[in-house]
Amino acid sequence: MKSNCSNLCFLSALACQLAECMDEKELEVLAIDLTTLGDMLASLLAHQSVCKND
């Protein structure tokens, strides 16, 4: 199994840097937008997978 520790370290450092330069409301909006982006990408991948199997 491949380790994703480097990705986790990068994301952790990025989150800390963003938290230092953005206020709570800005962070809240960014978090929601990134969650939405992740959900949309997952949906696109699922649809592509279904279309390939047809």
PDB file of N, CA and C in Angstrom:
ATOM      1  N   MET A   1       0.843  -1.184   0.000  1.00  0.00           N
ATOM      2  CA  MET A   1       0.000   0.000   0.000  1.00  0.00           C
ATOM      3  C   MET A   1       0.885   1.243   0.000  1.00  0.00           C
ATOM      4  N   LYS A   2       0.563   2.174  -0.874  1.00  0.00           N
ATOM      5  CA  LYS A   2       1.342   3.401  -1.008  1.00  0.00           C
ATOM      6  C   LYS A   2       0.960   4.384   0.105  1.00  0.00           C
ATOM      7  N   SER A   3       1.970   4.989   0.708  1.00  0.00           N
ATOM      8  CA  SER A   3       1.746   5.954   1.786  1.00  0.00           C
ATOM      9  C   SER A   3       1.470   7.338   1.212  1.00  0.00           C
ATOM     10  N   ASN A   4       0.492   8.012   1.773  1.00  0.00           N
ATOM     11  CA  ASN A   4       0.164   9.381   1.354  1.00  0.00           C
ATOM     12  C   ASN A   4       0.612  10.392   2.393  1.00  0.00           C
ATOM     13  N   CYS A   5       1.601  10.033   3.182  1.00  0.00           N
ATOM     14  CA  CYS A   5       2.044  10.922   4.257  1.00  0.00           C
ATOM     15  C   CYS A   5       2.533  12.269   3.744  1.00  0.00           C
ATOM     16  N   SER A   6       3.224  12.268   2.606  1.00  0.00           N
ATOM     17  CA  SER A   6       3.717  13.544   2.086  1.00  0.00           C
ATOM     18  C   SER A   6       2.551  14.454   1.709  1.00  0.00           C
ATOM     19  N   ASN A   7       1.482  13.870   1.156  1.00  0.00           N
ATOM     20  CA  ASN A   7       0.293  14.680   0.843  1.00  0.00           C
ATOM     21  C   ASN A   7      -0.334  15.225   2.110  1.00  0.00           C
ATOM     22  N   LEU A   8      -0.415  14.389   3.156  1.00  0.00           N
ATOM     23  CA  LEU A   8      -1.010  14.831   4.409  1.00  0.00           C
ATOM     24  C   LEU A   8      -0.178  15.934   5.063  1.00  0.00           C
ATOM     25  N   CYS A   9       1.131  15.805   5.007  1.00  0.00           N
ATOM     26  CA  CYS A   9       2.003  16.848   5.569  1.00  0.00           C
ATOM     27  C   CYS A   9       1.831  18.159   4.809  1.00  0.00           C
ATOM     28  N   PHE A  10       1.770  18.067   3.487  1.00  0.00           N
ATOM     29  CA  PHE A  10       1.573  19.262   2.671  1.00  0.00           C
ATOM     30  C   PHE A  10       0.247  19.931   2.990  1.00  0.00           C
ATOM     31  N   LEU A  11      -0.824  19.135   3.057  1.00  0.00           N
ATOM     32  CA  LEU A  11      -2.149  19.698   3.331  1.00  0.00           C
ATOM     33  C   LEU A  11      -2.224  20.307   4.725  1.00  0.00           C
ATOM     34  N   SER A  12      -1.580  19.671   5.680  1.00  0.00           N
ATOM     35  CA  SER A  12      -1.551  20.204   7.041  1.00  0.00           C
ATOM     36  C   SER A  12      -0.828  21.547   7.089  1.00  0.00           C
ATOM     37  N   ALA A  13       0.315  21.620   6.422  1.00  0.00           N
ATOM     38  CA  ALA A  13       1.069  22.877   6.385  1.00  0.00           C
ATOM     39  C   ALA A  13       0.280  23.967   5.670  1.00  0.00           C
ATOM     40  N   LEU A  14      -0.384  23.596   4.585  1.00  0.00           N
ATOM     41  CA  LEU A  14      -1.201  24.566   3.850  1.00  0.00           C
ATOM     42  C   LEU A  14      -2.341  25.091   4.716  1.00  0.00           C
ATOM     43  N   ALA A  15      -3.015  24.188   5.432  1.00  0.00           N
ATOM     44  CA  ALA A  15      -4.110  24.597   6.309  1.00  0.00           C
ATOM     45  C   ALA A  15      -3.621  25.557   7.384  1.00  0.00           C
ATOM     46  N   CYS A  16      -2.477  25.277   7.953  1.00  0.00           N
ATOM     47  CA  CYS A  16      -1.919  26.164   8.983  1.00  0.00           C
ATOM     48  C   CYS A  16      -1.591  27.542   8.415  1.00  0.00           C
ATOM     49  N   GLN A  17      -1.008  27.570   7.234  1.00  0.00           N
ATOM     50  CA  GLN A  17      -0.667  28.848   6.604  1.00  0.00           C
ATOM     51  C   GLN A  17      -1.930  29.649   6.286  1.00  0.00           C
ATOM     52  N   LEU A  18      -2.945  28.994   5.767  1.00  0.00           N
ATOM     53  CA  LEU A  18      -4.195  29.689   5.456  1.00  0.00           C
ATOM     54  C   LEU A  18      -4.851  30.227   6.723  1.00  0.00           C
ATOM     55  N   ALA A  19      -4.813  29.444   7.785  1.00  0.00           N
ATOM     56  CA  ALA A  19      -5.419  29.864   9.053  1.00  0.00           C
ATOM     57  C   ALA A  19      -4.721  31.088   9.636  1.00  0.00           C
ATOM     58  N   GLU A  20      -3.455  31.254   9.324  1.00  0.00           N
ATOM     59  CA  GLU A  20      -2.706  32.405   9.833  1.00  0.00           C
ATOM     60  C   GLU A  20      -3.024  33.692   9.082  1.00  0.00           C
ATOM     61  N   CYS A  21      -3.470  33.595   7.832  1.00  0.00           N
ATOM     62  CA  CYS A  21      -3.658  34.812   7.048  1.00  0.00           C
ATOM     63  C   CYS A  21      -5.111  35.088   6.672  1.00  0.00           C
ATOM     64  N   MET A  22      -6.027  34.217   7.087  1.00  0.00           N
ATOM     65  CA  MET A  22      -7.446  34.424   6.770  1.00  0.00           C
ATOM     66  C   MET A  22      -8.247  34.467   8.064  1.00  0.00           C
ATOM     67  N   ASP A  23      -9.341  35.239   8.049  1.00  0.00           N
ATOM     68  CA  ASP A  23     -10.183  35.253   9.246  1.00  0.00           C
ATOM     69  C   ASP A  23     -11.149  34.068   9.217  1.00  0.00           C
ATOM     70  N   GLU A  24     -11.905  33.888  10.306  1.00  0.00           N
ATOM     71  CA  GLU A  24     -12.773  32.714  10.437  1.00  0.00           C
ATOM     72  C   GLU A  24     -13.820  32.621   9.325  1.00  0.00           C
ATOM     73  N   LYS A  25     -14.415  33.729   8.970  1.00  0.00           N
ATOM     74  CA  LYS A  25     -15.454  33.713   7.925  1.00  0.00           C
ATOM     75  C   LYS A  25     -14.859  33.318   6.582  1.00  0.00           C
ATOM     76  N   GLU A  26     -13.682  33.853   6.260  1.00  0.00           N
ATOM     77  CA  GLU A  26     -13.025  33.495   4.998  1.00  0.00           C
ATOM     78  C   GLU A  26     -12.671  32.006   4.975  1.00  0.00           C
ATOM     79  N   LEU A  27     -12.164  31.497   6.095  1.00  0.00           N
ATOM     80  CA  LEU A  27     -11.828  30.077   6.179  1.00  0.00           C
ATOM     81  C   LEU A  27     -13.064  29.205   6.053  1.00  0.00           C
ATOM     82  N   GLU A  28     -14.157  29.648   6.653  1.00  0.00           N
ATOM     83  CA  GLU A  28     -15.401  28.898   6.575  1.00  0.00           C
ATOM     84  C   GLU A  28     -15.882  28.786   5.127  1.00  0.00           C
ATOM     85  N   VAL A  29     -15.841  29.902   4.404  1.00  0.00           N
ATOM     86  CA  VAL A  29     -16.275  29.898   3.004  1.00  0.00           C
ATOM     87  C   VAL A  29     -15.335  29.037   2.164  1.00  0.00           C
ATOM     88  N   LEU A  30     -14.047  29.155   2.389  1.00  0.00           N
ATOM     89  CA  LEU A  30     -13.080  28.350   1.642  1.00  0.00           C
ATOM     90  C   LEU A  30     -13.303  26.865   1.908  1.00  0.00           C
ATOM     91  N   ALA A  31     -13.514  26.498   3.161  1.00  0.00           N
ATOM     92  CA  ALA A  31     -13.736  25.094   3.503  1.00  0.00           C
ATOM     93  C   ALA A  31     -14.976  24.547   2.803  1.00  0.00           C
ATOM     94  N   ILE A  32     -16.052  25.311   2.800  1.00  0.00           N
ATOM     95  CA  ILE A  32     -17.285  24.877   2.134  1.00  0.00           C
ATOM     96  C   ILE A  32     -17.059  24.751   0.627  1.00  0.00           C
ATOM     97  N   ASP A  33     -16.369  25.736   0.048  1.00  0.00           N
ATOM     98  CA  ASP A  33     -16.111  25.689  -1.394  1.00  0.00           C
ATOM     99  C   ASP A  33     -15.244  24.488  -1.770  1.00  0.00           C
ATOM    100  N   LEU A  34     -14.224  24.179  -0.964  1.00  0.00           N
ATOM    101  CA  LEU A  34     -13.362  23.038  -1.259  1.00  0.00           C
ATOM    102  C   LEU A  34     -14.106  21.715  -1.082  1.00  0.00           C
ATOM    103  N   THR A  35     -14.988  21.656  -0.096  1.00  0.00           N
ATOM    104  CA  THR A  35     -15.816  20.460   0.080  1.00  0.00           C
ATOM    105  C   THR A  35     -16.727  20.273  -1.125  1.00  0.00           C
ATOM    106  N   THR A  36     -17.327  21.362  -1.588  1.00  0.00           N
ATOM    107  CA  THR A  36     -18.194  21.306  -2.767  1.00  0.00           C
ATOM    108  C   THR A  36     -17.411  20.851  -3.991  1.00  0.00           C
ATOM    109  N   LEU A  37     -16.221  21.379  -4.166  1.00  0.00           N
ATOM    110  CA  LEU A  37     -15.363  20.969  -5.281  1.00  0.00           C
ATOM    111  C   LEU A  37     -15.061  19.479  -5.207  1.00  0.00           C
ATOM    112  N   GLY A  38     -14.708  18.993  -4.029  1.00  0.00           N
ATOM    113  CA  GLY A  38     -14.430  17.569  -3.861  1.00  0.00           C
ATOM    114  C   GLY A  38     -15.640  16.713  -4.190  1.00  0.00           C
ATOM    115  N   ASP A  39     -16.810  17.142  -3.726  1.00  0.00           N
ATOM    116  CA  ASP A  39     -18.041  16.405  -4.016  1.00  0.00           C
ATOM    117  C   ASP A  39     -18.346  16.397  -5.514  1.00  0.00           C
ATOM    118  N   MET A  40     -18.130  17.523  -6.167  1.00  0.00           N
ATOM    119  CA  MET A  40     -18.391  17.603  -7.602  1.00  0.00           C
ATOM    120  C   MET A  40     -17.429  16.719  -8.383  1.00  0.00           C
ATOM    121  N   LEU A  41     -16.162  16.694  -7.988  1.00  0.00           N
ATOM    122  CA  LEU A  41     -15.190  15.826  -8.655  1.00  0.00           C
ATOM    123  C   LEU A  41     -15.544  14.356  -8.459  1.00  0.00           C
ATOM    124  N   ALA A  42     -15.966  13.987  -7.246  1.00  0.00           N
ATOM    125  CA  ALA A  42     -16.377  12.606  -6.985  1.00  0.00           C
ATOM    126  C   ALA A  42     -17.581  12.240  -7.836  1.00  0.00           C
ATOM    127  N   SER A  43     -18.515  13.157  -7.986  1.00  0.00           N
ATOM    128  CA  SER A  43     -19.695  12.909  -8.806  1.00  0.00           C
ATOM    129  C   SER A  43     -19.314  12.719 -10.275  1.00  0.00           C
ATOM    130  N   LEU A  44     -18.440  13.570 -10.778  1.00  0.00           N
ATOM    131  CA  LEU A  44     -17.984  13.441 -12.167  1.00  0.00           C
ATOM    132  C   LEU A  44     -17.294  12.107 -12.406  1.00  0.00           C
ATOM    133  N   LEU A  45     -16.443  11.700 -11.473  1.00  0.00           N
ATOM    134  CA  LEU A  45     -15.751  10.423 -11.617  1.00  0.00           C
ATOM    135  C   LEU A  45     -16.734   9.255 -11.605  1.00  0.00           C
ATOM    136  N   ALA A  46     -17.725   9.329 -10.725  1.00  0.00           N
ATOM    137  CA  ALA A  46     -18.730   8.261 -10.669  1.00  0.00           C
ATOM    138  C   ALA A  46     -19.518   8.191 -11.966  1.00  0.00           C
ATOM    139  N   HIS A  47     -19.896   9.337 -12.505  1.00  0.00           N
ATOM    140  CA  HIS A  47     -20.637   9.358 -13.764  1.00  0.00           C
ATOM    141  C   HIS A  47     -19.782   8.819 -14.910  1.00  0.00           C
ATOM    142  N   GLN A  48     -18.510   9.190 -14.936  1.00  0.00           N
ATOM    143  CA  GLN A  48     -17.618   8.687 -15.978  1.00  0.00           C
ATOM    144  C   GLN A  48     -17.489   7.173 -15.887  1.00  0.00           C
ATOM    145  N   SER A  49     -17.403   6.659 -14.674  1.00  0.00           N
ATOM    146  CA  SER A  49     -17.273   5.224 -14.466  1.00  0.00           C
ATOM    147  C   SER A  49     -18.519   4.498 -14.973  1.00  0.00           C
ATOM    148  N   VAL A  50     -19.681   5.043 -14.691  1.00  0.00           N
ATOM    149  CA  VAL A  50     -20.938   4.435 -15.137  1.00  0.00           C
ATOM    150  C   VAL A  50     -21.013   4.471 -16.662  1.00  0.00           C
ATOM    151  N   CYS A  51     -20.645   5.583 -17.240  1.00  0.00           N
ATOM    152  CA  CYS A  51     -20.720   5.719 -18.709  1.00  0.00           C
ATOM    153  C   CYS A  51     -19.768   4.763 -19.412  1.00  0.00           C
ATOM    154  N   LYS A  52     -18.609   4.489 -18.827  1.00  0.00           N
ATOM    155  CA  LYS A  52     -17.646   3.567 -19.429  1.00  0.00           C
ATOM    156  C   LYS A  52     -18.167   2.142 -19.401  1.00  0.00           C
ATOM    157  N   ASN A  53     -19.003   1.818 -18.406  1.00  0.00           N
ATOM    158  CA  ASN A  53     -19.503   0.452 -18.257  1.00  0.00           C
ATOM    159  C   ASN A  53     -20.748   0.198 -19.109  1.00  0.00           C
ATOM    160  N   ASP A  54     -21.290   1.214 -19.740  1.00  0.00           N
ATOM    161  CA  ASP A  54     -22.488   1.027 -20.574  1.00  0.00           C
ATOM    162  C   ASP A  54     -22.142   0.532 -21.956  1.00  0.00           C
TER     163      ASP A  54
END
